[in-house]
Protein backbone atom coordinates (compact mmCIF):
# COMPACT_ATOMS: atom_id res chain seq x y z
CA UNK A 1 -44.91 -16.66 12.39
CA UNK A 2 -41.46 -14.73 13.41
CA UNK A 3 -38.96 -13.64 10.86
CA UNK A 4 -36.38 -16.05 12.17
CA UNK A 5 -39.02 -19.01 11.48
CA UNK A 6 -39.70 -17.64 8.07
CA UNK A 7 -36.08 -17.78 7.24
CA UNK A 8 -35.73 -21.11 8.09
CA UNK A 9 -38.78 -22.51 6.43
CA UNK A 10 -37.34 -20.81 3.35
CA UNK A 11 -33.82 -22.43 3.85
CA UNK A 12 -35.32 -26.05 4.37
CA UNK A 13 -37.62 -25.38 0.87
CA UNK A 14 -34.68 -24.44 -1.21
CA UNK A 15 -31.82 -26.62 0.44
CA UNK A 16 -34.00 -29.97 0.34
CA UNK A 17 -31.92 -33.15 -0.26
CA UNK A 18 -31.25 -33.49 -4.00
CA UNK A 19 -31.90 -30.34 -5.49
CA UNK A 20 -28.24 -28.99 -5.55
CA UNK A 21 -27.44 -31.47 -8.34
CA UNK A 22 -30.84 -30.53 -10.31
CA UNK A 23 -29.90 -26.90 -9.69
CA UNK A 24 -25.97 -27.36 -10.66
CA UNK A 25 -26.75 -29.63 -13.76
CA UNK A 26 -29.41 -26.56 -15.07
CA UNK A 27 -27.16 -23.59 -14.45
CA UNK A 28 -24.28 -25.58 -16.16
CA UNK A 29 -26.13 -24.66 -19.39
CA UNK A 30 -25.35 -20.95 -18.47
CA UNK A 31 -22.14 -20.91 -16.72
CA UNK A 32 -18.65 -22.17 -16.59
CA UNK A 33 -15.56 -22.01 -14.22
CA UNK A 34 -14.27 -18.15 -13.77
CA UNK A 35 -17.18 -16.57 -15.19
CA UNK A 36 -19.81 -14.05 -13.88
CA UNK A 37 -23.04 -14.15 -12.26
CA UNK A 38 -25.39 -11.90 -10.97
CA UNK A 39 -27.87 -13.07 -8.21
CA UNK A 40 -30.60 -10.22 -7.96
CA UNK A 41 -32.43 -11.13 -5.21
CA UNK A 42 -30.55 -14.08 -3.65
CA UNK A 43 -32.62 -14.56 -0.83
CA UNK A 44 -31.47 -17.40 1.22
CA UNK A 45 -28.30 -17.97 -1.29
CA UNK A 46 -29.36 -21.12 -2.84
CA UNK A 47 -28.73 -19.99 -6.70
CA UNK A 48 -25.50 -18.10 -5.46
CA UNK A 49 -24.42 -21.78 -3.76
CA UNK A 50 -25.23 -23.23 -7.14
CA UNK A 51 -22.97 -20.95 -9.21
CA UNK A 52 -20.01 -21.38 -6.92
CA UNK A 53 -20.38 -25.13 -7.20
CA UNK A 54 -20.09 -24.60 -10.49
CA UNK A 55 -16.99 -22.18 -10.13
CA UNK A 56 -18.46 -18.84 -11.30
CA UNK A 57 -18.27 -15.78 -9.36
CA UNK A 58 -21.06 -14.06 -7.96
CA UNK A 59 -22.32 -10.96 -7.36
CA UNK A 60 -25.33 -11.74 -4.78
CA UNK A 61 -27.68 -8.49 -4.26
CA UNK A 62 -30.03 -8.98 -1.48
CA UNK A 63 -31.70 -5.92 0.33
CA UNK A 64 -33.58 -7.32 3.28
CA UNK A 65 -31.28 -6.89 6.08
CA UNK A 66 -31.88 -10.15 7.93
CA UNK A 67 -31.17 -12.16 4.48
CA UNK A 68 -28.01 -9.95 3.91
CA UNK A 69 -27.01 -11.13 7.62
CA UNK A 70 -27.59 -14.82 6.59
CA UNK A 71 -25.77 -14.34 3.10
CA UNK A 72 -22.71 -13.01 5.38
CA UNK A 73 -22.72 -15.95 7.27
CA UNK A 74 -22.77 -18.65 4.27
CA UNK A 75 -20.46 -16.49 2.29
CA UNK A 76 -18.73 -13.87 3.94
CA UNK A 77 -15.34 -15.78 3.86
CA UNK A 78 -15.86 -16.51 0.45
CA UNK A 79 -13.95 -14.24 -1.87
CA UNK A 80 -15.98 -15.40 -5.15
CA UNK A 81 -18.74 -13.87 -3.66
CA UNK A 82 -19.29 -10.22 -3.82
CA UNK A 83 -22.02 -8.96 -1.61
CA UNK A 84 -24.49 -6.19 -2.06
CA UNK A 85 -27.09 -4.96 0.19
CA UNK A 86 -29.50 -2.60 -1.98
CA UNK A 87 -32.42 -2.59 -4.18
CA UNK A 88 -31.71 -2.73 -7.73
CA UNK A 89 -33.80 -0.53 -10.04
CA UNK A 90 -33.90 1.96 -12.65
CA UNK A 91 -31.81 4.49 -11.45
CA UNK A 92 -29.61 5.07 -8.55
CA UNK A 93 -31.50 6.76 -5.16
CA UNK A 94 -33.40 5.62 -2.69
CA UNK A 95 -36.91 3.44 -2.70
CA UNK A 96 -39.29 1.25 0.19
CA UNK A 97 -38.94 -2.07 0.50
CA UNK A 98 -41.98 -3.54 1.74
CA UNK A 99 -41.49 -6.74 3.87
CA UNK A 100 -43.62 -9.78 4.62
CA UNK A 101 -42.45 -11.15 7.82
CA UNK A 102 -44.34 -14.24 7.54
CA UNK A 103 -42.65 -14.61 3.85
CA UNK A 104 -39.23 -12.84 3.48
CA UNK A 105 -39.50 -14.58 -0.27
CA UNK A 106 -42.23 -11.85 -1.34
CA UNK A 107 -40.66 -8.52 -0.32
CA UNK A 108 -41.12 -6.20 -2.87
CA UNK A 109 -40.41 -2.60 -3.82
CA UNK A 110 -43.63 -2.59 -6.10
CA UNK A 111 -46.67 -1.27 -4.37
CA UNK A 112 -48.31 -2.44 -8.05
CA UNK A 113 -47.43 -6.10 -6.80
CA UNK A 114 -48.99 -5.89 -3.43
CA UNK A 115 -52.12 -4.78 -5.22
CA UNK A 116 -52.15 -7.10 -7.92
CA UNK A 117 -51.80 -9.85 -4.74
CA UNK A 118 -54.46 -8.75 -3.03
CA UNK A 119 -57.18 -11.13 -3.42
CA UNK A 120 -55.71 -13.09 -5.84
CA UNK A 121 -55.99 -17.20 -5.97
CA UNK A 122 -52.64 -18.36 -4.58
CA UNK A 123 -51.84 -15.33 -2.70
CA UNK A 124 -54.36 -15.40 0.32
CA UNK A 125 -52.96 -14.30 3.65
CA UNK A 126 -50.06 -12.65 2.22
CA UNK A 127 -49.68 -9.65 4.30
CA UNK A 128 -46.84 -6.59 3.91
CA UNK A 129 -46.39 -5.20 7.51
CA UNK A 130 -43.17 -3.39 7.63
CA UNK A 131 -41.15 -1.32 5.34
CA UNK A 132 -37.78 -0.20 5.07
CA UNK A 133 -36.06 2.55 2.70
CA UNK A 134 -33.10 1.47 1.20
CA UNK A 135 -30.51 2.53 -1.31
CA UNK A 136 -31.03 1.51 -5.26
CA UNK A 137 -28.28 0.65 -7.42
CA UNK A 138 -28.56 -0.41 -11.18
CA UNK A 139 -27.38 -3.37 -13.20
CA UNK A 140 -25.24 -1.27 -15.10
CA UNK A 141 -23.72 0.28 -12.02
CA UNK A 142 -22.92 -3.30 -10.72
CA UNK A 143 -21.71 -4.19 -14.07
CA UNK A 144 -19.33 -0.96 -13.87
CA UNK A 145 -18.31 -2.14 -10.64
CA UNK A 146 -17.93 -6.05 -10.91
CA UNK A 147 -17.61 -6.52 -14.43
CA UNK A 148 -19.87 -7.55 -17.33
CA UNK A 149 -22.14 -10.41 -16.08
CA UNK A 150 -22.38 -13.99 -18.26
CA UNK A 151 -25.68 -14.90 -16.47
CA UNK A 152 -27.85 -12.46 -14.73
CA UNK A 153 -31.07 -13.95 -12.59
CA UNK A 154 -33.46 -11.41 -11.34
CA UNK A 155 -36.34 -12.32 -8.92
CA UNK A 156 -36.96 -9.06 -7.28
CA UNK A 157 -41.15 -9.69 -6.75
CA UNK A 158 -42.97 -7.36 -9.37
CA UNK A 159 -39.75 -5.04 -9.93
CA UNK A 160 -38.34 -7.08 -12.60
CA UNK A 161 -39.50 -4.22 -15.27
CA UNK A 162 -37.56 -1.79 -13.07
CA UNK A 163 -34.28 -3.39 -12.58
CA UNK A 164 -34.28 -4.09 -16.33
CA UNK A 165 -34.74 -0.28 -17.21
CA UNK A 166 -31.32 0.08 -15.51
CA UNK A 167 -29.67 -2.27 -17.86
CA UNK A 168 -28.31 -0.86 -21.22
CA UNK A 169 -26.55 -4.13 -22.70
CA UNK A 170 -27.49 -7.72 -23.37
CA UNK A 171 -25.76 -9.95 -21.09
CA UNK A 172 -25.11 -13.70 -22.68
CA UNK A 173 -27.94 -15.20 -20.90
CA UNK A 174 -30.82 -13.70 -18.45
CA UNK A 175 -33.60 -14.96 -16.47
CA UNK A 176 -36.40 -12.68 -14.49
CA UNK A 177 -39.59 -13.92 -12.77
CA UNK A 178 -42.85 -13.60 -13.79
CA UNK A 179 -46.40 -14.11 -12.41
CA UNK A 180 -49.76 -14.75 -13.74
CA UNK A 181 -50.79 -11.82 -11.54
CA UNK A 182 -48.62 -9.14 -13.13
CA UNK A 183 -48.53 -10.28 -16.75
CA UNK A 184 -47.60 -6.69 -17.58
CA UNK A 185 -44.98 -6.48 -16.13
CA UNK A 186 -43.39 -9.63 -18.02
CA UNK A 187 -44.70 -7.95 -21.41
CA UNK A 188 -42.58 -4.65 -20.33
CA UNK A 189 -39.43 -7.09 -19.70
CA UNK A 190 -39.67 -8.52 -22.82
CA UNK A 191 -39.95 -5.49 -24.65
CA UNK A 192 -37.26 -3.99 -22.82
CA UNK A 193 -34.82 -6.89 -23.60
CA UNK A 194 -36.09 -7.30 -27.44
CA UNK A 195 -34.71 -3.61 -27.64
CA UNK A 196 -30.95 -4.44 -26.28
CA UNK A 197 -30.54 -7.26 -28.53
CA UNK A 198 -31.35 -10.57 -30.58
CA UNK A 199 -32.27 -12.45 -27.67
CA UNK A 200 -34.24 -15.56 -28.03
CA UNK A 201 -36.79 -16.85 -25.18
CA UNK A 202 -37.81 -19.97 -23.12
CA UNK A 203 -39.20 -20.21 -19.94
CA UNK A 204 -39.75 -22.61 -16.82
CA UNK A 205 -43.06 -22.99 -14.99
CA UNK A 206 -42.29 -22.57 -11.01
CA UNK A 207 -39.33 -24.63 -9.72
CA UNK A 208 -39.39 -26.91 -12.43
CA UNK A 209 -36.04 -26.64 -14.16
CA UNK A 210 -37.67 -27.92 -17.34
CA UNK A 211 -38.12 -25.53 -20.67
CA UNK A 212 -41.77 -25.05 -21.60
CA UNK A 213 -40.55 -24.92 -25.17
CA UNK A 214 -39.07 -27.33 -27.60
CA UNK A 215 -37.41 -24.37 -29.36
CA UNK A 216 -36.85 -20.65 -28.23
CA UNK A 217 -39.25 -18.16 -28.82
CA UNK A 218 -39.17 -14.50 -29.66
CA UNK A 219 -40.17 -11.77 -27.30
CA UNK A 220 -43.79 -11.44 -29.02
CA UNK A 221 -44.30 -15.32 -28.75
CA UNK A 222 -43.14 -15.28 -25.29
CA UNK A 223 -45.40 -12.69 -24.32
CA UNK A 224 -48.43 -14.38 -26.09
CA UNK A 225 -47.77 -17.73 -24.29
CA UNK A 226 -47.28 -16.03 -20.92
CA UNK A 227 -50.73 -13.99 -21.51
CA UNK A 228 -52.11 -17.55 -22.33
CA UNK A 229 -51.23 -18.92 -18.94
CA UNK A 230 -54.03 -20.11 -16.44
CA UNK A 231 -54.01 -17.92 -13.34
CA UNK A 232 -53.23 -21.34 -11.60
CA UNK A 233 -49.82 -21.56 -13.43
CA UNK A 234 -48.94 -18.79 -10.86
CA UNK A 235 -44.97 -18.10 -11.59
CA UNK A 236 -42.51 -19.03 -13.63
CA UNK A 237 -38.96 -17.70 -15.05
CA UNK A 238 -37.97 -16.50 -18.69
CA UNK A 239 -34.99 -17.08 -20.01
CA UNK A 240 -33.47 -14.73 -22.36
CA UNK A 241 -29.98 -15.70 -24.40
CA UNK A 242 -27.77 -14.42 -27.32
CA UNK A 243 -27.10 -17.97 -27.42
CA UNK A 244 -30.35 -19.94 -28.30
CA UNK A 245 -28.84 -23.19 -27.76
CA UNK A 246 -28.45 -22.42 -23.94
CA UNK A 247 -32.08 -22.38 -23.62
CA UNK A 248 -33.20 -25.23 -26.07
CA UNK A 249 -33.95 -28.51 -24.27
CA UNK A 250 -31.46 -31.22 -24.53
CA UNK A 251 -32.13 -34.65 -25.51
CA UNK A 252 -32.73 -36.77 -22.75
């Protein structure tokens, strides 16, 4: 599969009919008009688009050149979106991004992620067949340039702990992706966040946009829950907030 076809598949996956309304309703928990979101690993821009529909300003960070071009097409005339073509890591510099031509969603700067995916159930057939050296920025540097974010979304395929190592403050709310093939990375992320401030935690499995816990957990409780998940759970997102009500399920 060519990269263009793979991106087209991602667009169909992340922009299906009806998803935008669900995404916006979910994100209104975390953001309001005029507030600032960081979309770290913006991919095809579905989260950035949601944040903008809510009225929030966005810093959309996407290192893959073809996806960065797509974001320019989608948001290049939108003054509410600042696009950054870089990796986000522990410190400024340079790192190698490994590309998966058939599945751009799983490009990664983490060789450990690629090793963990090798032969793992649910990851069969994934092949990282190209690489590119890119500049690295940090969450602190982005905050210094654009302002402190009200919400940070991080989805960087096994590089989440490195990204959080470059953060020195607790945002109001933050999410990071986790996988069952790298539970240790999730544990590192939780430990880092717990050290930054009095954060509460909840999680959503897959793309469900439904919190798994009736009440937020502490970092240790969330780490234990992730450790106990079956491998077939595959992935999800941990949400951390200084305001626990934002990550508490609302009555139907």
